[in-house]
Protein backbone atom coordinates (compact mmCIF):
# COMPACT_ATOMS: atom_id res chain seq x y z
CA UNK A 1 10.84 -26.05 15.58
CA UNK A 2 13.47 -28.21 13.93
CA UNK A 3 12.68 -28.78 10.24
CA UNK A 4 15.90 -30.63 9.41
CA UNK A 5 14.44 -34.14 9.50
CA UNK A 6 14.44 -35.39 5.91
CA UNK A 7 11.84 -37.92 4.81
CA UNK A 8 8.12 -38.21 5.37
CA UNK A 9 6.97 -40.78 7.90
CA UNK A 10 3.89 -42.91 7.31
CA UNK A 11 2.02 -41.13 10.12
CA UNK A 12 2.89 -37.69 8.76
CA UNK A 13 1.86 -38.76 5.27
CA UNK A 14 -1.53 -39.85 6.55
CA UNK A 15 -2.07 -36.58 8.40
CA UNK A 16 -1.04 -34.43 5.46
CA UNK A 17 -3.07 -36.49 3.02
CA UNK A 18 -6.10 -35.91 5.25
CA UNK A 19 -5.36 -32.19 5.22
CA UNK A 20 -4.96 -31.99 1.48
CA UNK A 21 -7.83 -34.23 0.47
CA UNK A 22 -10.49 -33.59 3.11
CA UNK A 23 -11.24 -30.05 1.93
CA UNK A 24 -9.48 -28.53 4.92
CA UNK A 25 -12.82 -27.92 6.55
CA UNK A 26 -13.32 -28.76 10.20
CA UNK A 27 -15.78 -27.85 12.86
CA UNK A 28 -18.83 -28.42 10.72
CA UNK A 29 -17.63 -25.97 8.07
CA UNK A 30 -18.88 -26.52 4.54
CA UNK A 31 -16.46 -28.51 2.42
CA UNK A 32 -16.54 -25.77 -0.21
CA UNK A 33 -16.74 -22.03 0.56
CA UNK A 34 -19.96 -20.27 -0.40
CA UNK A 35 -20.31 -19.66 -4.10
CA UNK A 36 -17.55 -22.02 -5.21
CA UNK A 37 -18.35 -24.93 -7.49
CA UNK A 38 -15.14 -26.96 -7.78
CA UNK A 39 -15.20 -29.15 -10.85
CA UNK A 40 -12.53 -30.92 -12.84
CA UNK A 41 -11.26 -28.50 -15.44
CA UNK A 42 -9.74 -29.42 -18.78
CA UNK A 43 -9.88 -26.50 -21.14
CA UNK A 44 -6.78 -26.27 -23.32
CA UNK A 45 -7.50 -23.16 -25.35
CA UNK A 46 -6.88 -23.64 -29.06
CA UNK A 47 -4.85 -20.45 -29.06
CA UNK A 48 -2.39 -22.09 -26.67
CA UNK A 49 -0.25 -20.54 -23.97
CA UNK A 50 1.31 -17.14 -24.75
CA UNK A 51 5.02 -17.45 -25.45
CA UNK A 52 7.21 -15.40 -23.09
CA UNK A 53 10.00 -13.33 -24.60
CA UNK A 54 13.13 -11.97 -22.91
CA UNK A 55 12.27 -8.51 -24.21
CA UNK A 56 9.32 -8.13 -21.82
CA UNK A 57 10.07 -8.00 -18.08
CA UNK A 58 8.05 -10.03 -15.62
CA UNK A 59 6.52 -7.65 -13.08
CA UNK A 60 5.62 -9.23 -9.75
CA UNK A 61 3.83 -7.77 -6.75
CA UNK A 62 4.56 -9.62 -3.51
CA UNK A 63 4.74 -9.06 0.22
CA UNK A 64 8.37 -9.92 0.84
CA UNK A 65 11.15 -7.44 1.64
CA UNK A 66 13.96 -8.58 -0.63
CA UNK A 67 16.50 -6.52 1.33
CA UNK A 68 15.91 -8.60 4.49
CA UNK A 69 18.68 -11.20 4.53
CA UNK A 70 17.40 -12.61 7.85
CA UNK A 71 13.95 -13.56 6.59
CA UNK A 72 13.87 -17.06 5.01
CA UNK A 73 11.08 -16.31 2.47
CA UNK A 74 12.87 -13.15 1.36
CA UNK A 75 16.14 -15.02 0.89
CA UNK A 76 14.41 -17.77 -1.06
CA UNK A 77 12.52 -15.28 -3.25
CA UNK A 78 15.77 -13.50 -4.12
CA UNK A 79 17.29 -16.82 -5.15
CA UNK A 80 14.17 -17.75 -7.14
CA UNK A 81 14.35 -14.48 -9.07
CA UNK A 82 18.05 -14.95 -9.84
CA UNK A 83 17.52 -18.53 -11.01
CA UNK A 84 14.52 -17.56 -13.16
CA UNK A 85 16.40 -14.72 -14.83
CA UNK A 86 19.40 -16.96 -15.52
CA UNK A 87 17.26 -19.75 -16.97
CA UNK A 88 14.94 -17.63 -19.12
CA UNK A 89 16.70 -14.35 -19.86
CA UNK A 90 13.58 -12.55 -18.60
CA UNK A 91 14.18 -9.68 -16.18
CA UNK A 92 12.06 -9.78 -13.04
CA UNK A 93 10.82 -6.49 -11.60
CA UNK A 94 9.64 -7.22 -8.06
CA UNK A 95 7.65 -4.66 -6.07
CA UNK A 96 7.02 -5.17 -2.37
CA UNK A 97 3.45 -4.38 -1.32
CA UNK A 98 2.11 -4.68 2.24
CA UNK A 99 0.35 -8.04 2.63
CA UNK A 100 -3.00 -6.42 3.44
CA UNK A 101 -2.77 -4.03 0.48
CA UNK A 102 -1.98 -6.48 -2.32
CA UNK A 103 -5.59 -7.27 -3.21
CA UNK A 104 -6.97 -3.70 -2.89
CA UNK A 105 -4.07 -2.30 -4.92
CA UNK A 106 -4.58 -4.87 -7.67
CA UNK A 107 -8.33 -4.29 -7.83
CA UNK A 108 -7.79 -0.54 -8.09
CA UNK A 109 -5.12 -0.91 -10.79
CA UNK A 110 -7.37 -3.05 -12.98
CA UNK A 111 -10.61 -1.10 -12.49
CA UNK A 112 -8.93 2.30 -12.98
CA UNK A 113 -6.94 1.28 -16.03
CA UNK A 114 -3.68 1.77 -14.15
CA UNK A 115 -0.36 -0.03 -14.42
CA UNK A 116 -1.04 -3.76 -13.96
CA UNK A 117 1.65 -6.31 -13.01
CA UNK A 118 1.98 -9.77 -14.52
CA UNK A 119 1.87 -11.81 -11.33
CA UNK A 120 0.59 -11.14 -7.81
CA UNK A 121 0.53 -12.98 -4.49
CA UNK A 122 -3.05 -13.23 -3.18
CA UNK A 123 -4.58 -14.92 -0.14
CA UNK A 124 -7.56 -17.19 -0.72
CA UNK A 125 -9.89 -14.88 1.20
CA UNK A 126 -9.36 -12.12 -1.39
CA UNK A 127 -10.09 -14.14 -4.53
CA UNK A 128 -13.89 -13.44 -4.55
CA UNK A 129 -13.49 -9.67 -4.35
CA UNK A 130 -10.79 -9.72 -7.04
CA UNK A 131 -13.12 -11.74 -9.26
CA UNK A 132 -15.93 -9.28 -8.59
CA UNK A 133 -13.60 -6.45 -9.66
CA UNK A 134 -12.78 -8.30 -12.89
CA UNK A 135 -9.13 -8.37 -11.86
CA UNK A 136 -8.24 -12.04 -12.46
CA UNK A 137 -7.30 -13.66 -15.73
CA UNK A 138 -8.82 -17.16 -16.21
CA UNK A 139 -5.91 -19.61 -16.07
CA UNK A 140 -7.10 -22.73 -17.90
CA UNK A 141 -5.59 -21.44 -21.15
CA UNK A 142 -2.27 -20.79 -19.41
CA UNK A 143 -2.14 -24.21 -17.78
CA UNK A 144 -3.58 -26.88 -20.10
CA UNK A 145 -2.78 -30.44 -19.13
CA UNK A 146 -0.21 -30.77 -21.91
CA UNK A 147 1.85 -27.82 -20.66
CA UNK A 148 1.24 -28.19 -16.90
CA UNK A 149 0.96 -31.87 -15.97
CA UNK A 150 1.67 -30.93 -12.35
CA UNK A 151 -1.90 -29.58 -12.09
CA UNK A 152 -3.07 -33.19 -11.71
CA UNK A 153 -0.94 -33.46 -8.53
CA UNK A 154 -2.59 -30.47 -6.82
CA UNK A 155 -4.52 -30.95 -3.61
CA UNK A 156 -8.21 -30.43 -3.03
CA UNK A 157 -7.22 -27.37 -1.02
CA UNK A 158 -6.12 -25.78 -4.28
CA UNK A 159 -9.45 -26.61 -5.94
CA UNK A 160 -11.43 -25.09 -3.08
CA UNK A 161 -9.30 -21.95 -3.13
CA UNK A 162 -8.84 -21.45 -6.86
CA UNK A 163 -11.56 -23.10 -8.97
CA UNK A 164 -14.73 -21.02 -9.21
CA UNK A 165 -17.74 -22.34 -11.10
CA UNK A 166 -15.52 -24.80 -12.91
CA UNK A 167 -12.90 -22.25 -13.94
CA UNK A 168 -9.40 -21.89 -12.49
CA UNK A 169 -8.46 -18.35 -11.44
CA UNK A 170 -5.39 -18.91 -9.25
CA UNK A 171 -2.68 -21.41 -8.32
CA UNK A 172 -2.27 -22.27 -4.64
CA UNK A 173 1.24 -22.96 -3.45
CA UNK A 174 0.75 -23.56 0.29
CA UNK A 175 -1.78 -23.47 3.12
CA UNK A 176 -1.31 -22.00 6.62
CA UNK A 177 -3.51 -21.42 9.63
CA UNK A 178 -4.01 -19.53 12.84
CA UNK A 179 -2.75 -21.37 15.90
CA UNK A 180 -2.46 -20.80 19.65
CA UNK A 181 0.87 -21.00 21.44
CA UNK A 182 0.86 -21.58 25.20
CA UNK A 183 3.40 -21.96 27.98
CA UNK A 184 3.28 -25.57 29.08
CA UNK A 185 4.28 -24.68 32.66
CA UNK A 186 1.14 -22.53 33.00
CA UNK A 187 -1.12 -25.32 31.73
CA UNK A 188 0.26 -28.60 33.15
CA UNK A 189 -2.99 -30.40 32.31
CA UNK A 190 -3.07 -29.10 28.75
CA UNK A 191 -4.44 -25.93 27.22
CA UNK A 192 -8.18 -25.28 27.82
CA UNK A 193 -10.17 -25.63 24.61
CA UNK A 194 -13.65 -24.40 25.58
CA UNK A 195 -14.97 -20.97 26.53
CA UNK A 196 -16.06 -22.37 29.90
CA UNK A 197 -12.58 -23.74 30.55
CA UNK A 198 -11.05 -20.36 29.69
CA UNK A 199 -13.26 -18.63 32.23
CA UNK A 200 -12.30 -21.27 34.81
CA UNK A 201 -8.55 -20.99 34.20
CA UNK A 202 -8.29 -17.21 33.84
CA UNK A 203 -8.83 -16.16 37.52
CA UNK A 204 -5.86 -18.17 38.79
CA UNK A 205 -3.63 -16.72 36.10
CA UNK A 206 -4.91 -13.21 36.88
CA UNK A 207 -4.05 -13.74 40.56
CA UNK A 208 -0.46 -14.25 39.40
CA UNK A 209 -0.59 -11.11 37.22
CA UNK A 210 -0.90 -13.08 34.01
CA UNK A 211 -3.34 -12.65 31.16
CA UNK A 212 -5.10 -15.71 29.83
CA UNK A 213 -4.13 -14.87 26.27
CA UNK A 214 -3.12 -12.21 23.79
CA UNK A 215 -4.14 -11.77 20.16
CA UNK A 216 -4.57 -9.07 17.53
CA UNK A 217 -7.97 -7.41 18.01
CA UNK A 218 -7.60 -4.00 16.38
CA UNK A 219 -9.93 -2.23 13.92
CA UNK A 220 -8.74 -4.21 10.89
CA UNK A 221 -10.25 -7.19 9.09
CA UNK A 222 -7.43 -9.52 10.15
CA UNK A 223 -8.68 -9.27 13.74
CA UNK A 224 -11.97 -10.79 12.61
CA UNK A 225 -10.34 -13.45 10.43
CA UNK A 226 -7.91 -14.72 13.02
CA UNK A 227 -9.96 -14.66 16.22
CA UNK A 228 -13.49 -13.28 16.27
CA UNK A 229 -14.71 -15.16 13.18
CA UNK A 230 -13.28 -18.43 14.44
CA UNK A 231 -15.05 -18.02 17.78
CA UNK A 232 -18.24 -17.13 15.92
CA UNK A 233 -18.00 -20.23 13.73
CA UNK A 234 -17.22 -22.30 16.83
CA UNK A 235 -20.49 -21.04 18.30
CA UNK A 236 -22.50 -21.98 15.21
CA UNK A 237 -22.64 -18.38 14.01
CA UNK A 238 -22.41 -16.78 10.59
CA UNK A 239 -20.90 -13.56 9.20
CA UNK A 240 -21.99 -13.58 5.53
CA UNK A 241 -24.90 -15.19 3.70
CA UNK A 242 -24.66 -17.06 0.39
CA UNK A 243 -24.51 -13.77 -1.55
CA UNK A 244 -21.74 -12.40 0.65
CA UNK A 245 -24.07 -9.97 2.43
CA UNK A 246 -23.35 -9.39 6.14
CA UNK A 247 -25.63 -11.25 8.55
CA UNK A 248 -23.51 -10.89 11.68
CA UNK A 249 -26.20 -9.26 13.83
CA UNK A 250 -27.26 -12.61 15.27
CA UNK A 251 -27.49 -14.28 18.67
CA UNK A 252 -24.39 -16.46 18.21
CA UNK A 253 -22.20 -13.43 17.51
CA UNK A 254 -23.69 -11.54 20.44
CA UNK A 255 -22.87 -14.44 22.76
CA UNK A 256 -19.25 -14.55 21.58
CA UNK A 257 -18.83 -10.82 22.08
CA UNK A 258 -20.36 -11.03 25.55
CA UNK A 259 -17.69 -13.61 26.34
CA UNK A 260 -14.98 -11.33 24.96
CA UNK A 261 -16.30 -8.35 26.87
CA UNK A 262 -16.24 -10.37 30.12
CA UNK A 263 -12.64 -11.39 29.46
CA UNK A 264 -11.56 -7.78 29.00
CA UNK A 265 -13.65 -6.48 31.92
CA UNK A 266 -11.95 -8.92 34.28
CA UNK A 267 -8.47 -8.13 32.94
CA UNK A 268 -8.09 -11.65 31.60
CA UNK A 269 -7.06 -10.15 28.26
CA UNK A 270 -4.75 -7.10 27.81
CA UNK A 271 -6.60 -4.03 26.57
CA UNK A 272 -3.60 -3.04 24.42
CA UNK A 273 -4.56 -5.71 21.88
CA UNK A 274 -7.68 -3.69 21.05
CA UNK A 275 -5.77 -0.56 20.11
CA UNK A 276 -2.26 -1.66 19.13
CA UNK A 277 -0.81 -3.29 16.03
CA UNK A 278 0.42 -6.85 15.59
CA UNK A 279 3.58 -6.08 17.56
CA UNK A 280 1.47 -4.79 20.45
CA UNK A 281 -0.49 -8.05 20.47
CA UNK A 282 2.75 -10.05 20.58
CA UNK A 283 4.28 -7.94 23.38
CA UNK A 284 2.35 -9.51 26.32
CA UNK A 285 3.50 -12.93 25.15
CA UNK A 286 7.11 -11.86 24.67
CA UNK A 287 7.36 -10.18 28.08
CA UNK A 288 5.71 -13.17 29.78
CA UNK A 289 2.56 -11.40 30.98
CA UNK A 290 0.32 -13.56 28.75
CA UNK A 291 0.15 -17.32 29.27
CA UNK A 292 -0.88 -17.91 25.66
CA UNK A 293 -0.80 -16.17 22.31
CA UNK A 294 -3.05 -16.66 19.28
CA UNK A 295 -0.83 -16.22 16.28
CA UNK A 296 -0.36 -18.37 13.21
CA UNK A 297 1.91 -21.10 11.95
CA UNK A 298 3.93 -18.18 10.57
CA UNK A 299 4.56 -16.70 14.03
CA UNK A 300 7.82 -18.63 14.41
CA UNK A 301 9.23 -16.30 11.75
CA UNK A 302 8.48 -13.16 13.73
CA UNK A 303 8.23 -13.87 17.48
CA UNK A 304 11.63 -13.97 19.20
CA UNK A 305 12.73 -17.32 20.67
CA UNK A 306 9.45 -19.03 19.79
CA UNK A 307 11.20 -21.60 17.60
CA UNK A 308 13.61 -22.56 20.40
CA UNK A 309 10.82 -22.65 23.00
CA UNK A 310 8.85 -25.09 20.84
CA UNK A 311 11.89 -27.33 20.42
CA UNK A 312 12.51 -27.30 24.18
CA UNK A 313 8.91 -28.20 25.00
CA UNK A 314 8.43 -24.97 26.97
CA UNK A 315 5.72 -23.95 24.51
CA UNK A 316 2.93 -26.09 23.07
CA UNK A 317 0.36 -25.43 20.36
CA UNK A 318 -3.43 -25.69 20.38
CA UNK A 319 -6.31 -25.09 18.01
CA UNK A 320 -9.56 -23.20 18.33
CA UNK A 321 -11.96 -22.48 21.17
CA UNK A 322 -15.25 -24.37 21.41
CA UNK A 323 -18.50 -22.65 22.43
CA UNK A 324 -21.54 -24.57 23.65
CA UNK A 325 -20.15 -27.93 22.62
CA UNK A 326 -19.61 -26.96 18.98
CA UNK A 327 -16.52 -28.04 17.09
CA UNK A 328 -13.68 -25.48 17.31
CA UNK A 329 -12.47 -23.64 14.24
CA UNK A 330 -9.17 -22.09 13.13
CA UNK A 331 -8.49 -19.69 10.27
CA UNK A 332 -7.21 -21.41 7.14
CA UNK A 333 -5.66 -19.52 4.26
CA UNK A 334 -4.15 -20.67 0.97
CA UNK A 335 -1.40 -18.51 -0.52
CA UNK A 336 -1.85 -18.20 -4.28
CA UNK A 337 -0.43 -16.82 -7.49
CA UNK A 338 -2.82 -14.85 -9.69
CA UNK A 339 -2.33 -13.38 -13.15
CA UNK A 340 -4.17 -10.05 -13.48
CA UNK A 341 -6.36 -9.05 -16.38
CA UNK A 342 -4.26 -6.81 -18.59
CA UNK A 343 -0.96 -8.52 -17.77
CA UNK A 344 1.52 -7.85 -20.57
CA UNK A 345 3.63 -10.94 -19.94
CA UNK A 346 1.14 -13.68 -19.11
CA UNK A 347 3.41 -16.21 -20.78
CA UNK A 348 6.26 -15.24 -18.48
CA UNK A 349 3.93 -15.48 -15.50
CA UNK A 350 2.92 -19.01 -16.53
CA UNK A 351 6.58 -19.98 -16.89
CA UNK A 352 7.36 -18.57 -13.42
CA UNK A 353 4.51 -20.60 -11.88
CA UNK A 354 5.58 -23.76 -13.74
CA UNK A 355 9.04 -23.52 -12.21
CA UNK A 356 7.75 -22.42 -8.81
CA UNK A 357 5.59 -25.52 -8.54
CA UNK A 358 8.53 -27.90 -9.00
CA UNK A 359 8.51 -30.22 -5.94
CA UNK A 360 11.90 -29.27 -4.48
CA UNK A 361 11.32 -25.53 -4.78
CA UNK A 362 7.72 -25.71 -3.54
CA UNK A 363 8.77 -27.80 -0.54
CA UNK A 364 11.51 -25.33 0.39
CA UNK A 365 9.16 -22.37 -0.08
CA UNK A 366 6.43 -23.92 2.05
CA UNK A 367 8.84 -24.81 4.86
CA UNK A 368 10.28 -21.28 4.79
CA UNK A 369 6.75 -19.86 5.09
CA UNK A 370 5.86 -22.45 7.76
CA UNK A 371 3.07 -23.82 5.63
CA UNK A 372 2.00 -27.06 3.97
CA UNK A 373 2.59 -27.34 0.19
CA UNK A 374 -0.31 -28.01 -2.13
CA UNK A 375 1.46 -30.63 -4.24
CA UNK A 376 1.78 -34.22 -3.03
CA UNK A 377 5.17 -34.47 -4.72
CA UNK A 378 6.43 -31.53 -2.65
CA UNK A 379 5.38 -33.28 0.55
CA UNK A 380 7.32 -36.36 -0.46
CA UNK A 381 10.60 -34.52 -1.03
CA UNK A 382 10.22 -31.90 1.72
CA UNK A 383 11.23 -31.67 5.35
CA UNK A 384 7.86 -31.98 7.07
CA UNK A 385 8.59 -34.93 9.38
CA UNK A 386 8.85 -32.60 12.35
CA UNK A 387 6.68 -32.56 15.51
CA UNK A 388 5.53 -28.98 14.91
CA UNK A 389 4.47 -29.65 11.31
CA UNK A 390 2.79 -32.89 12.32
CA UNK A 391 0.78 -31.30 15.15
CA UNK A 392 -0.02 -28.14 13.18
CA UNK A 393 -1.17 -30.07 10.11
CA UNK A 394 -3.31 -32.32 12.32
CA UNK A 395 -5.03 -29.23 13.73
CA UNK A 396 -5.49 -27.80 10.23
CA UNK A 397 -7.08 -31.02 9.00
CA UNK A 398 -9.41 -31.26 12.01
CA UNK A 399 -10.32 -27.60 12.59
CA UNK A 400 -9.18 -25.54 9.59
CA UNK A 401 -11.82 -23.46 7.84
CA UNK A 402 -11.65 -20.99 4.98
CA UNK A 403 -13.45 -17.74 5.65
CA UNK A 404 -16.94 -17.16 4.33
CA UNK A 405 -16.81 -15.13 1.15
CA UNK A 406 -18.03 -11.74 0.08
CA UNK A 407 -17.40 -9.46 -2.92
CA UNK A 408 -16.85 -6.71 -0.32
CA UNK A 409 -14.82 -8.86 2.02
CA UNK A 410 -12.28 -6.33 3.32
CA UNK A 411 -14.76 -3.47 3.55
CA UNK A 412 -17.29 -5.59 5.42
CA UNK A 413 -14.85 -7.17 7.86
CA UNK A 414 -13.21 -3.81 8.55
CA UNK A 415 -16.65 -2.49 9.52
CA UNK A 416 -17.22 -5.49 11.78
CA UNK A 417 -13.77 -5.15 13.36
CA UNK A 418 -14.45 -1.49 14.17
CA UNK A 419 -17.82 -2.36 15.70
CA UNK A 420 -16.30 -5.12 17.82
CA UNK A 421 -13.49 -2.90 19.04
CA UNK A 422 -16.01 -0.24 20.07
CA UNK A 423 -18.12 -2.87 21.86
CA UNK A 424 -15.10 -4.14 23.79
CA UNK A 425 -13.92 -0.67 24.80
CA UNK A 426 -17.33 0.71 25.83
CA UNK A 427 -19.38 -1.53 28.15
CA UNK A 428 -22.41 0.75 27.77
CA UNK A 429 -22.87 -0.14 24.10
CA UNK A 430 -25.71 -2.53 23.36
CA UNK A 431 -24.07 -5.36 21.41
CA UNK A 432 -27.06 -6.36 19.28
CA UNK A 433 -27.90 -2.78 18.34
CA UNK A 434 -24.29 -1.93 17.47
CA UNK A 435 -23.87 -5.01 15.31
CA UNK A 436 -27.13 -4.22 13.52
CA UNK A 437 -26.01 -0.64 12.84
CA UNK A 438 -22.72 -1.82 11.35
CA UNK A 439 -24.46 -4.49 9.30
CA UNK A 440 -27.08 -2.06 7.95
CA UNK A 441 -24.39 0.47 7.07
CA UNK A 442 -22.50 -2.08 4.95
CA UNK A 443 -25.71 -3.20 3.25
CA UNK A 444 -26.59 0.39 2.48
CA UNK A 445 -23.15 1.21 1.07
CA UNK A 446 -22.65 -1.85 -1.13
CA UNK A 447 -26.05 -3.40 -1.74
């Protein structure tokens, strides 16, 4: 994936504008996630924005390992911290937190009265549960139009992700998605995009000792987000209702899991993806035993040689999998900055975000994360006129969907992931009964 082409072509601009303005909802997904009422917000608080002082450090929780000089986001974050400290005199204290622990750790810190940072990275899927925990500071006071004119340049993606019932609670900086990588030599006629086509293509691959695909399918919520939920949505199914209560014990989900069970039973999918971690799911792709791999736009940062294979045309990309003629769906996530309730240096946090959202920096950050920036100005100065970005953003615009929301998002999806793993590993389990048991358990525990 060569991102060195400067300038934004007319075609790319059209594609990215569609992505940013069309709510990033494809496949029949609602334009706005459940419970969100995006409205224009102008609420400059009379008290004004808190003034940051050099005497108070800015404490940030993020997912990046600042000691990793080979990781582009880590390198860029180190530079951002150095530039911010030099420009403001404010010391930045950065703590690395595992990406899947950022939201739970923040919720616990706020609800327990623990040590709260000033700024935290948070994925869009975690915003509802953080709101339910009372962990997020409303941001309209921090970013009134007079102090943050760049807000007017933000995409509709940002509104969907960060404006709840007319009130801003986060600032989106980029959007990314799940995506499927496939070896073009194994699919000369293009990658199959329906469940029926998968079942038709898999036997020939199996005869040559190849798996149809590989993807993370362990007992963690990310397995649901990235694959199972997208197949469920592509089959017209539902995981949560409007209140965020689980409703996954339904016929559409059962049908998807029957498909998955058949794929595993016939050795069309490697069983290791059910029990291993992310690296285990990538291994069949890396060693060549899987003809495709469901990762994300971010996979080029972690999977060896993938970047070069894309440039050479040896690997192509595809979107979601359609069931029963429904539109396919892929996982869409906005990466956001949030300011926690109880932050001691909210003014410093606002200043950090102001600088972070400058077009040149935001464009570089988004490209390093292999994502699409949420400011139009960043698109215009960035390096997104590249075949990979064009194709990926086209798929995002056509098929991208934010997850349904729940105040107990992680807990619920972890329970579903465990149930699905057990269903895949044990053919004797009745799918409908097992889903109902998991659903009832979550309802009993949280509702």
